[in-house]
C-alpha atoms as a PDB file:
ATOM      1  CA  MET A   1     -94.427-174.897 -78.785  1.00  0.00           C
ATOM      2  CA  ASP A   2     -95.375-171.249 -79.196  1.00  0.00           C
ATOM      3  CA  ASN A   3     -95.942-170.781 -75.454  1.00  0.00           C
ATOM      4  CA  PHE A   4     -93.502-167.974 -74.654  1.00  0.00           C
ATOM      5  CA  ASP A   5     -95.588-166.276 -71.939  1.00  0.00           C
ATOM      6  CA  ASN A   6     -92.710-166.033 -69.446  1.00  0.00           C
ATOM      7  CA  PHE A   7     -90.207-164.690 -71.984  1.00  0.00           C
ATOM      8  CA  SER A   8     -89.229-161.076 -72.552  1.00  0.00           C
ATOM      9  CA  ALA A   9     -90.037-159.512 -75.922  1.00  0.00           C
ATOM     10  CA  SER A  10     -86.473-160.030 -77.164  1.00  0.00           C
ATOM     11  CA  GLU A  11     -86.458-163.651 -75.953  1.00  0.00           C
ATOM     12  CA  LYS A  12     -89.771-164.248 -77.726  1.00  0.00           C
ATOM     13  CA  ALA A  13     -88.356-162.772 -80.928  1.00  0.00           C
ATOM     14  CA  GLU A  14     -85.233-164.934 -80.639  1.00  0.00           C
ATOM     15  CA  ALA A  15     -87.286-168.066 -79.970  1.00  0.00           C
ATOM     16  CA  THR A  16     -89.588-167.317 -82.895  1.00  0.00           C
ATOM     17  CA  GLU A  17     -86.597-166.743 -85.187  1.00  0.00           C
ATOM     18  CA  LEU A  18     -85.025-169.979 -83.970  1.00  0.00           C
ATOM     19  CA  GLN A  19     -88.236-171.864 -84.746  1.00  0.00           C
ATOM     20  CA  ARG A  20     -88.292-170.329 -88.226  1.00  0.00           C
ATOM     21  CA  MET A  21     -84.673-171.291 -88.830  1.00  0.00           C
ATOM     22  CA  ILE A  22     -85.349-174.861 -87.660  1.00  0.00           C
ATOM     23  CA  ALA A  23     -88.338-175.089 -90.012  1.00  0.00           C
ATOM     24  CA  VAL A  24     -86.186-173.877 -92.932  1.00  0.00           C
ATOM     25  CA  GLU A  25     -83.483-176.432 -92.107  1.00  0.00           C
ATOM     26  CA  GLN A  26     -86.114-179.184 -91.897  1.00  0.00           C
ATOM     27  CA  GLN A  27     -87.399-178.195 -95.337  1.00  0.00           C
ATOM     28  CA  LYS A  28     -83.853-178.298 -96.712  1.00  0.00           C
ATOM     29  CA  ALA A  29     -83.331-181.755 -95.207  1.00  0.00           C
ATOM     30  CA  GLN A  30     -86.606-182.992 -96.707  1.00  0.00           C
ATOM     31  CA  PHE A  31     -85.611-181.624-100.116  1.00  0.00           C
ATOM     32  CA  GLN A  32     -82.201-183.296 -99.911  1.00  0.00           C
ATOM     33  CA  ALA A  33     -83.810-186.594 -98.890  1.00  0.00           C
ATOM     34  CA  GLN A  34     -86.180-186.354-101.851  1.00  0.00           C
ATOM     35  CA  VAL A  35     -83.299-185.674-104.257  1.00  0.00           C
ATOM     36  CA  HIS A  36     -81.420-188.630-102.794  1.00  0.00           C
ATOM     37  CA  ASN A  37     -84.512-190.792-103.282  1.00  0.00           C
ATOM     38  CA  PHE A  38     -84.856-189.616-106.928  1.00  0.00           C
ATOM     39  CA  THR A  39     -81.222-190.449-107.507  1.00  0.00           C
ATOM     40  CA  ASP A  40     -81.477-193.950-106.061  1.00  0.00           C
ATOM     41  CA  VAL A  41     -84.703-194.942-107.798  1.00  0.00           C
ATOM     42  CA  CYS A  42     -83.994-193.389-111.169  1.00  0.00           C
ATOM     43  CA  TRP A  43     -80.344-194.461-111.276  1.00  0.00           C
ATOM     44  CA  ASP A  44     -81.304-198.072-110.628  1.00  0.00           C
ATOM     45  CA  LYS A  45     -84.064-197.903-113.225  1.00  0.00           C
ATOM     46  CA  CYS A  46     -82.236-196.070-116.010  1.00  0.00           C
ATOM     47  CA  VAL A  47     -78.475-196.537-115.825  1.00  0.00           C
ATOM     48  CA  GLU A  48     -77.291-199.906-117.065  1.00  0.00           C
ATOM     49  CA  SER A  49     -73.561-199.208-117.069  1.00  0.00           C
ATOM     50  CA  PRO A  50     -72.023-195.879-116.042  1.00  0.00           C
ATOM     51  CA  GLY A  51     -69.806-194.242-118.620  1.00  0.00           C
ATOM     52  CA  SER A  52     -68.069-190.940-119.169  1.00  0.00           C
ATOM     53  CA  LYS A  53     -71.342-189.379-120.375  1.00  0.00           C
ATOM     54  CA  LEU A  54     -75.020-190.266-120.640  1.00  0.00           C
ATOM     55  CA  ASP A  55     -76.418-191.600-123.880  1.00  0.00           C
ATOM     56  CA  TYR A  56     -79.708-190.220-125.191  1.00  0.00           C
ATOM     57  CA  ARG A  57     -81.796-193.156-123.951  1.00  0.00           C
ATOM     58  CA  THR A  58     -80.385-192.970-120.420  1.00  0.00           C
ATOM     59  CA  GLU A  59     -80.817-189.200-120.228  1.00  0.00           C
ATOM     60  CA  THR A  60     -84.407-189.439-121.478  1.00  0.00           C
ATOM     61  CA  CYS A  61     -85.140-192.210-118.988  1.00  0.00           C
ATOM     62  CA  LEU A  62     -83.708-190.186-116.091  1.00  0.00           C
ATOM     63  CA  VAL A  63     -85.703-187.085-117.009  1.00  0.00           C
ATOM     64  CA  SER A  64     -88.939-189.077-117.361  1.00  0.00           C
ATOM     65  CA  CYS A  65     -88.300-190.943-114.123  1.00  0.00           C
ATOM     66  CA  VAL A  66     -87.752-187.772-112.098  1.00  0.00           C
ATOM     67  CA  GLU A  67     -90.773-186.077-113.688  1.00  0.00           C
ATOM     68  CA  ARG A  68     -92.990-189.073-112.830  1.00  0.00           C
ATOM     69  CA  PHE A  69     -91.595-189.130-109.314  1.00  0.00           C
ATOM     70  CA  ILE A  70     -92.324-185.412-108.852  1.00  0.00           C
ATOM     71  CA  ASP A  71     -95.820-185.720-110.346  1.00  0.00           C
ATOM     72  CA  THR A  72     -96.626-188.654-108.087  1.00  0.00           C
ATOM     73  CA  THR A  73     -95.291-186.882-105.005  1.00  0.00           C
ATOM     74  CA  LEU A  74     -97.335-183.765-105.803  1.00  0.00           C
ATOM     75  CA  THR A  75    -100.486-185.817-106.396  1.00  0.00           C
ATOM     76  CA  ILE A  76    -100.093-187.632-103.093  1.00  0.00           C
ATOM     77  CA  THR A  77     -99.310-184.396-101.246  1.00  0.00           C
ATOM     78  CA  ASN A  78    -102.312-182.611-102.756  1.00  0.00           C
ATOM     79  CA  ARG A  79    -104.599-185.545-101.952  1.00  0.00           C
ATOM     80  CA  PHE A  80    -103.334-185.664 -98.383  1.00  0.00           C
ATOM     81  CA  THR A  81    -103.877-181.898 -98.043  1.00  0.00           C
ATOM     82  CA  GLN A  82    -107.464-182.291 -99.293  1.00  0.00           C
ATOM     83  CA  MET A  83    -108.103-185.083 -96.804  1.00  0.00           C
ATOM     84  CA  VAL A  84    -106.712-182.996 -93.930  1.00  0.00           C
ATOM     85  CA  GLN A  85    -108.794-179.970 -94.965  1.00  0.00           C
ATOM     86  CA  LYS A  86    -111.959-182.064 -95.177  1.00  0.00           C
ATOM     87  CA  GLY A  87    -111.219-183.495 -91.740  1.00  0.00           C
ATOM     88  CA  ALA A  88    -110.743-179.997 -90.290  1.00  0.00           C
ATOM     89  CA  HIS A  89    -114.211-178.845 -91.350  1.00  0.00           C
END
């Protein structure tokens, strides 16, 4: 996708900037999807009946749930990265 041989210098710069902006927007979308996933999973697990404010148990459950979710995601991502790096060598 970086094949800009027939483009002028300014067109190449614009195309490169567009690619960067698309990558940033994709990262934002992935982050939002992850937050939505946290919300769904942890809400279903921790919130028995919604009220005007969270009780201590519910708040603690939500915090622990999100932390576990993040830890698991990071572990899987790191493991996948290691596998890809080993495959590249």
